[in-house]
N, C-alpha and C. Protein backbone atom coordinates (compact mmCIF):
# COMPACT_ATOMS: atom_id res chain seq x y z
N UNK A 1 0.84 -1.17 0.00
CA UNK A 1 0.00 0.00 0.00
C UNK A 1 0.90 1.24 0.00
N UNK A 2 0.65 2.15 -0.90
CA UNK A 2 1.41 3.40 -0.99
C UNK A 2 0.71 4.49 -0.20
N UNK A 3 1.51 5.31 0.47
CA UNK A 3 0.97 6.40 1.27
C UNK A 3 1.43 7.73 0.70
N UNK A 4 0.59 8.72 0.79
CA UNK A 4 0.95 10.09 0.45
C UNK A 4 0.45 10.95 1.59
N UNK A 5 1.40 11.59 2.30
CA UNK A 5 1.05 12.44 3.43
C UNK A 5 1.48 13.86 3.11
N UNK A 6 0.54 14.77 3.16
CA UNK A 6 0.83 16.18 2.90
C UNK A 6 0.73 16.93 4.21
N UNK A 7 1.84 17.49 4.67
CA UNK A 7 1.82 18.36 5.84
C UNK A 7 1.68 19.78 5.33
N UNK A 8 0.69 20.47 5.84
CA UNK A 8 0.35 21.77 5.29
C UNK A 8 0.38 22.83 6.36
N UNK A 9 1.03 23.92 6.07
CA UNK A 9 0.95 25.10 6.92
C UNK A 9 0.59 26.25 6.01
N UNK A 10 -0.43 26.96 6.37
CA UNK A 10 -0.83 28.10 5.56
C UNK A 10 -0.95 29.31 6.46
N UNK A 11 -0.44 30.43 5.99
CA UNK A 11 -0.54 31.66 6.75
C UNK A 11 -1.99 32.13 6.75
N UNK A 12 -2.30 33.02 7.65
CA UNK A 12 -3.64 33.60 7.64
C UNK A 12 -3.77 34.41 6.36
N UNK A 13 -4.94 34.43 5.82
CA UNK A 13 -5.13 35.06 4.51
C UNK A 13 -6.14 36.18 4.60
N UNK A 14 -5.64 37.33 4.95
CA UNK A 14 -6.46 38.52 4.96
C UNK A 14 -5.75 39.58 4.13
N UNK A 15 -6.48 40.56 3.69
CA UNK A 15 -5.90 41.62 2.88
C UNK A 15 -5.40 41.10 1.55
N UNK A 16 -4.21 41.58 1.11
CA UNK A 16 -3.70 41.19 -0.21
C UNK A 16 -3.43 39.69 -0.35
N UNK A 17 -3.15 39.02 0.77
CA UNK A 17 -2.86 37.58 0.70
C UNK A 17 -4.10 36.75 0.43
N UNK A 18 -5.26 37.31 0.65
CA UNK A 18 -6.51 36.54 0.49
C UNK A 18 -6.64 35.98 -0.91
N UNK A 19 -6.14 36.67 -1.92
CA UNK A 19 -6.24 36.18 -3.30
C UNK A 19 -5.40 34.94 -3.51
N UNK A 20 -4.37 34.76 -2.69
CA UNK A 20 -3.50 33.60 -2.84
C UNK A 20 -4.08 32.35 -2.19
N UNK A 21 -5.17 32.48 -1.45
CA UNK A 21 -5.76 31.32 -0.76
C UNK A 21 -6.10 30.21 -1.72
N UNK A 22 -6.63 30.54 -2.86
CA UNK A 22 -7.01 29.51 -3.82
C UNK A 22 -5.81 28.76 -4.37
N UNK A 23 -4.62 29.36 -4.31
CA UNK A 23 -3.40 28.69 -4.78
C UNK A 23 -3.16 27.42 -3.98
N UNK A 24 -3.38 27.50 -2.67
CA UNK A 24 -3.19 26.33 -1.80
C UNK A 24 -4.06 25.18 -2.29
N UNK A 25 -5.31 25.46 -2.57
CA UNK A 25 -6.23 24.40 -2.98
C UNK A 25 -5.96 23.95 -4.42
N UNK A 26 -5.47 24.83 -5.26
CA UNK A 26 -5.08 24.43 -6.62
C UNK A 26 -3.94 23.43 -6.56
N UNK A 27 -2.97 23.70 -5.71
CA UNK A 27 -1.83 22.77 -5.54
C UNK A 27 -2.32 21.45 -4.95
N UNK A 28 -3.17 21.51 -3.92
CA UNK A 28 -3.70 20.29 -3.33
C UNK A 28 -4.49 19.47 -4.34
N UNK A 29 -5.26 20.14 -5.17
CA UNK A 29 -6.03 19.44 -6.22
C UNK A 29 -5.09 18.65 -7.12
N UNK A 30 -3.97 19.26 -7.51
CA UNK A 30 -3.01 18.58 -8.39
C UNK A 30 -2.39 17.39 -7.69
N UNK A 31 -2.06 17.54 -6.42
CA UNK A 31 -1.48 16.43 -5.65
C UNK A 31 -2.48 15.29 -5.55
N UNK A 32 -3.73 15.62 -5.25
CA UNK A 32 -4.78 14.60 -5.13
C UNK A 32 -4.95 13.86 -6.45
N UNK A 33 -4.97 14.58 -7.55
CA UNK A 33 -5.13 13.94 -8.86
C UNK A 33 -3.95 13.04 -9.18
N UNK A 34 -2.74 13.51 -8.85
CA UNK A 34 -1.53 12.73 -9.15
C UNK A 34 -1.45 11.45 -8.32
N UNK A 35 -1.90 11.52 -7.09
CA UNK A 35 -1.76 10.39 -6.17
C UNK A 35 -3.10 9.81 -5.75
N UNK A 36 -4.09 9.90 -6.58
CA UNK A 36 -5.45 9.49 -6.22
C UNK A 36 -5.55 8.02 -5.84
N UNK A 37 -4.67 7.19 -6.32
CA UNK A 37 -4.75 5.76 -5.99
C UNK A 37 -4.03 5.43 -4.68
N UNK A 38 -3.44 6.43 -4.05
CA UNK A 38 -2.68 6.24 -2.83
C UNK A 38 -3.56 6.52 -1.61
N UNK A 39 -3.12 5.99 -0.48
CA UNK A 39 -3.67 6.39 0.81
C UNK A 39 -3.20 7.83 1.01
N UNK A 40 -4.13 8.75 1.25
CA UNK A 40 -3.75 10.15 1.31
C UNK A 40 -4.26 10.82 2.58
N UNK A 41 -3.32 11.50 3.26
CA UNK A 41 -3.62 12.27 4.46
C UNK A 41 -3.11 13.68 4.24
N UNK A 42 -3.96 14.66 4.47
CA UNK A 42 -3.57 16.06 4.44
C UNK A 42 -3.81 16.58 5.84
N UNK A 43 -2.77 17.11 6.47
CA UNK A 43 -2.94 17.56 7.85
C UNK A 43 -2.08 18.76 8.13
N UNK A 44 -2.52 19.55 9.09
CA UNK A 44 -1.71 20.66 9.53
C UNK A 44 -2.50 21.90 9.89
N UNK A 45 -1.77 22.98 10.00
CA UNK A 45 -2.31 24.29 10.35
C UNK A 45 -2.81 24.93 9.06
N UNK A 46 -4.07 24.71 8.75
CA UNK A 46 -4.64 25.13 7.48
C UNK A 46 -5.19 26.56 7.58
N UNK A 47 -5.40 27.04 8.81
CA UNK A 47 -5.84 28.42 9.04
C UNK A 47 -7.16 28.77 8.37
N UNK A 48 -8.07 27.84 8.31
CA UNK A 48 -9.40 28.11 7.75
C UNK A 48 -10.44 27.91 8.84
N UNK A 49 -11.39 28.81 8.91
CA UNK A 49 -12.49 28.70 9.87
C UNK A 49 -13.68 28.06 9.16
N UNK A 50 -13.93 26.79 9.47
CA UNK A 50 -14.96 26.02 8.77
C UNK A 50 -16.20 25.79 9.62
N UNK A 51 -16.37 26.56 10.68
CA UNK A 51 -17.58 26.43 11.49
C UNK A 51 -17.60 25.25 12.43
N UNK A 52 -16.44 24.69 12.72
CA UNK A 52 -16.36 23.49 13.55
C UNK A 52 -17.01 23.69 14.92
N UNK A 53 -16.86 24.86 15.50
CA UNK A 53 -17.42 25.14 16.82
C UNK A 53 -18.49 26.23 16.76
N UNK A 54 -19.14 26.32 15.62
CA UNK A 54 -20.20 27.30 15.48
C UNK A 54 -19.70 28.69 15.12
N UNK A 55 -18.38 28.83 14.95
CA UNK A 55 -17.87 30.14 14.55
C UNK A 55 -18.25 30.42 13.10
N UNK A 56 -18.20 31.66 12.72
CA UNK A 56 -18.56 32.05 11.37
C UNK A 56 -17.61 31.38 10.37
N UNK A 57 -18.18 30.78 9.34
CA UNK A 57 -17.37 30.18 8.28
C UNK A 57 -16.87 31.31 7.39
N UNK A 58 -15.54 31.42 7.28
CA UNK A 58 -15.00 32.47 6.42
C UNK A 58 -14.77 31.91 5.01
N UNK A 59 -14.32 32.76 4.11
CA UNK A 59 -14.13 32.31 2.72
C UNK A 59 -13.15 31.16 2.64
N UNK A 60 -12.10 31.22 3.45
CA UNK A 60 -11.13 30.13 3.47
C UNK A 60 -11.78 28.84 3.93
N UNK A 61 -12.67 28.94 4.92
CA UNK A 61 -13.39 27.77 5.39
C UNK A 61 -14.28 27.18 4.31
N UNK A 62 -14.91 28.05 3.52
CA UNK A 62 -15.71 27.57 2.38
C UNK A 62 -14.83 26.83 1.39
N UNK A 63 -13.62 27.34 1.17
CA UNK A 63 -12.68 26.66 0.26
C UNK A 63 -12.31 25.27 0.80
N UNK A 64 -12.11 25.17 2.11
CA UNK A 64 -11.79 23.88 2.73
C UNK A 64 -12.95 22.91 2.56
N UNK A 65 -14.15 23.37 2.85
CA UNK A 65 -15.33 22.51 2.71
C UNK A 65 -15.49 22.07 1.26
N UNK A 66 -15.34 22.99 0.32
CA UNK A 66 -15.46 22.66 -1.11
C UNK A 66 -14.39 21.65 -1.53
N UNK A 67 -13.16 21.84 -1.03
CA UNK A 67 -12.08 20.90 -1.36
C UNK A 67 -12.43 19.50 -0.88
N UNK A 68 -12.89 19.39 0.37
CA UNK A 68 -13.23 18.07 0.92
C UNK A 68 -14.36 17.42 0.13
N UNK A 69 -15.40 18.18 -0.13
CA UNK A 69 -16.54 17.62 -0.87
C UNK A 69 -16.16 17.26 -2.29
N UNK A 70 -15.40 18.11 -2.96
CA UNK A 70 -15.05 17.88 -4.36
C UNK A 70 -14.07 16.74 -4.57
N UNK A 71 -13.30 16.40 -3.53
CA UNK A 71 -12.29 15.35 -3.66
C UNK A 71 -12.58 14.15 -2.79
N UNK A 72 -13.77 14.12 -2.20
CA UNK A 72 -14.20 13.02 -1.35
C UNK A 72 -13.22 12.77 -0.19
N UNK A 73 -12.83 13.88 0.46
CA UNK A 73 -12.02 13.80 1.67
C UNK A 73 -12.93 14.01 2.87
N UNK A 74 -12.59 13.38 3.97
CA UNK A 74 -13.32 13.58 5.20
C UNK A 74 -12.48 14.44 6.13
N UNK A 75 -13.08 15.45 6.71
CA UNK A 75 -12.42 16.30 7.69
C UNK A 75 -12.65 15.65 9.06
N UNK A 76 -11.63 14.94 9.54
CA UNK A 76 -11.79 14.18 10.78
C UNK A 76 -12.00 15.06 11.99
N UNK A 77 -11.52 16.29 11.95
CA UNK A 77 -11.76 17.20 13.08
C UNK A 77 -13.26 17.44 13.24
N UNK A 78 -13.98 17.43 12.14
CA UNK A 78 -15.43 17.66 12.17
C UNK A 78 -16.18 16.39 12.51
N UNK A 79 -15.79 15.26 11.92
CA UNK A 79 -16.61 14.06 12.04
C UNK A 79 -16.31 13.21 13.27
N UNK A 80 -15.05 13.04 13.65
CA UNK A 80 -14.75 12.17 14.80
C UNK A 80 -13.84 12.82 15.82
N UNK A 81 -13.32 14.01 15.55
CA UNK A 81 -12.42 14.67 16.49
C UNK A 81 -13.12 15.04 17.77
N UNK A 82 -12.36 15.04 18.86
CA UNK A 82 -12.97 15.43 20.12
C UNK A 82 -13.32 16.91 20.08
N UNK A 83 -14.19 17.31 20.95
CA UNK A 83 -14.74 18.66 20.95
C UNK A 83 -13.77 19.63 21.64
N UNK A 84 -12.57 19.76 21.08
CA UNK A 84 -11.52 20.59 21.67
C UNK A 84 -10.97 21.52 20.59
N UNK A 85 -10.75 22.76 20.97
CA UNK A 85 -10.17 23.73 20.04
C UNK A 85 -8.72 23.37 19.76
N UNK A 86 -8.26 23.65 18.55
CA UNK A 86 -6.87 23.36 18.21
C UNK A 86 -5.97 24.58 18.40
N UNK A 87 -6.57 25.74 18.56
CA UNK A 87 -5.83 26.98 18.76
C UNK A 87 -6.49 27.74 19.89
N UNK A 88 -5.67 28.18 20.84
CA UNK A 88 -6.22 28.97 21.94
C UNK A 88 -5.25 30.10 22.25
N UNK A 89 -5.73 31.30 22.07
CA UNK A 89 -4.93 32.47 22.42
C UNK A 89 -5.66 33.22 23.53
N UNK A 90 -5.10 34.33 23.94
CA UNK A 90 -5.75 35.12 24.99
C UNK A 90 -7.06 35.72 24.50
N UNK A 91 -7.14 35.97 23.20
CA UNK A 91 -8.32 36.63 22.64
C UNK A 91 -9.42 35.67 22.20
N UNK A 92 -9.06 34.49 21.70
CA UNK A 92 -10.09 33.63 21.14
C UNK A 92 -9.63 32.19 21.04
N UNK A 93 -10.61 31.32 20.75
CA UNK A 93 -10.37 29.89 20.54
C UNK A 93 -10.93 29.54 19.18
N UNK A 94 -10.30 28.58 18.51
CA UNK A 94 -10.78 28.17 17.19
C UNK A 94 -10.23 26.80 16.83
N UNK A 95 -10.80 26.24 15.79
CA UNK A 95 -10.27 25.02 15.19
C UNK A 95 -9.76 25.40 13.81
N UNK A 96 -8.45 25.50 13.66
CA UNK A 96 -7.87 25.84 12.36
C UNK A 96 -6.85 24.80 11.90
N UNK A 97 -6.67 23.77 12.71
CA UNK A 97 -5.78 22.67 12.37
C UNK A 97 -6.67 21.46 12.07
N UNK A 98 -6.35 20.77 10.99
CA UNK A 98 -7.24 19.72 10.52
C UNK A 98 -6.48 18.48 10.06
N UNK A 99 -7.18 17.36 10.06
CA UNK A 99 -6.71 16.13 9.42
C UNK A 99 -7.77 15.76 8.39
N UNK A 100 -7.37 15.72 7.13
CA UNK A 100 -8.25 15.36 6.03
C UNK A 100 -7.78 14.03 5.46
N UNK A 101 -8.69 13.11 5.24
CA UNK A 101 -8.31 11.80 4.71
C UNK A 101 -9.23 11.39 3.57
N UNK A 102 -8.67 10.61 2.64
CA UNK A 102 -9.51 10.04 1.59
C UNK A 102 -10.10 8.71 2.07
N UNK A 103 -10.94 8.13 1.25
CA UNK A 103 -11.65 6.90 1.63
C UNK A 103 -10.69 5.77 1.99
N UNK A 104 -9.58 5.68 1.27
CA UNK A 104 -8.63 4.59 1.51
C UNK A 104 -8.06 4.64 2.92
N UNK A 105 -7.88 5.84 3.47
CA UNK A 105 -7.38 5.97 4.84
C UNK A 105 -8.51 5.77 5.84
N UNK A 106 -9.65 6.37 5.54
CA UNK A 106 -10.75 6.40 6.52
C UNK A 106 -11.13 5.02 7.02
N UNK A 107 -11.08 4.04 6.15
CA UNK A 107 -11.47 2.70 6.58
C UNK A 107 -10.49 2.10 7.58
N UNK A 108 -9.31 2.72 7.74
CA UNK A 108 -8.31 2.22 8.68
C UNK A 108 -8.14 3.11 9.92
N UNK A 109 -8.85 4.23 9.97
CA UNK A 109 -8.69 5.16 11.09
C UNK A 109 -9.34 4.58 12.35
N UNK A 110 -8.55 4.55 13.41
CA UNK A 110 -9.05 4.12 14.71
C UNK A 110 -9.51 5.31 15.54
N UNK A 111 -8.75 6.40 15.45
CA UNK A 111 -9.08 7.57 16.26
C UNK A 111 -8.41 8.81 15.70
N UNK A 112 -8.95 9.93 16.06
CA UNK A 112 -8.34 11.23 15.79
C UNK A 112 -8.78 12.14 16.91
N UNK A 113 -7.83 12.80 17.54
CA UNK A 113 -8.19 13.70 18.62
C UNK A 113 -7.16 14.81 18.75
N UNK A 114 -7.57 15.83 19.48
CA UNK A 114 -6.68 16.94 19.80
C UNK A 114 -6.10 16.65 21.18
N UNK A 115 -4.78 16.56 21.26
CA UNK A 115 -4.11 16.28 22.52
C UNK A 115 -4.14 17.54 23.39
N UNK A 116 -4.74 17.42 24.55
CA UNK A 116 -4.86 18.57 25.45
C UNK A 116 -3.70 18.68 26.44
N UNK A 117 -2.67 17.85 26.28
CA UNK A 117 -1.51 17.91 27.16
C UNK A 117 -0.80 19.25 26.99
N UNK A 118 -0.19 19.68 28.04
CA UNK A 118 0.58 20.92 27.97
C UNK A 118 2.04 20.55 27.70
N UNK A 119 2.52 20.93 26.52
CA UNK A 119 3.91 20.70 26.17
C UNK A 119 4.70 21.97 26.41
N UNK A 120 5.95 21.82 26.75
CA UNK A 120 6.80 22.98 26.99
C UNK A 120 7.40 23.48 25.68
N UNK A 121 6.53 23.93 24.78
CA UNK A 121 6.97 24.50 23.52
C UNK A 121 6.23 25.81 23.30
N UNK A 122 6.81 26.66 22.52
CA UNK A 122 6.25 27.98 22.26
C UNK A 122 5.23 27.92 21.12
N UNK A 123 4.00 27.58 21.44
CA UNK A 123 2.94 27.56 20.45
C UNK A 123 1.59 27.72 21.13
N UNK A 124 0.65 28.25 20.39
CA UNK A 124 -0.70 28.33 20.91
C UNK A 124 -1.59 27.27 20.26
N UNK A 125 -0.98 26.35 19.53
CA UNK A 125 -1.71 25.25 18.88
C UNK A 125 -1.58 23.98 19.72
N UNK A 126 -2.55 23.11 19.55
CA UNK A 126 -2.50 21.81 20.19
C UNK A 126 -2.21 20.74 19.13
N UNK A 127 -1.57 19.66 19.56
CA UNK A 127 -1.18 18.61 18.64
C UNK A 127 -2.39 17.76 18.24
N UNK A 128 -2.47 17.43 16.94
CA UNK A 128 -3.48 16.53 16.43
C UNK A 128 -2.89 15.13 16.40
N UNK A 129 -3.67 14.14 16.82
CA UNK A 129 -3.21 12.77 16.87
C UNK A 129 -4.12 11.92 15.99
N UNK A 130 -3.52 11.16 15.09
CA UNK A 130 -4.26 10.27 14.21
C UNK A 130 -3.76 8.85 14.44
N UNK A 131 -4.66 7.96 14.79
CA UNK A 131 -4.30 6.55 14.96
C UNK A 131 -5.01 5.73 13.91
N UNK A 132 -4.24 4.93 13.17
CA UNK A 132 -4.89 4.04 12.21
C UNK A 132 -4.11 2.74 12.11
N UNK A 133 -4.82 1.74 11.62
CA UNK A 133 -4.21 0.40 11.56
C UNK A 133 -3.84 0.07 10.15
């Protein structure tokens, strides 16, 4: 079985950078098409607000939802992830880190959760954990 894992970090996209948001999904579309027969996991700090905790879905979040629906990916943070924010700052909490999987992976997923442990590292994000067999 061949695996394709995409680790993704995307900056926040406001102002002039907002136009570049679609570039991320254009690149992901090409990767998905190239490796469609592979087990595929896309995960990381995607910086999109997709309404996971009832927050307003922004344009980037709409792009994430459209990408998942158009490529038959499941957003595990939405479907099986524990009810924990992935980002917590002094001002707000949100879910902007995600694990997206295609059907080939989903059938092997045992769990996906946000680790609430406190690590001694300089970040306001929490670690995502994916367990599969």
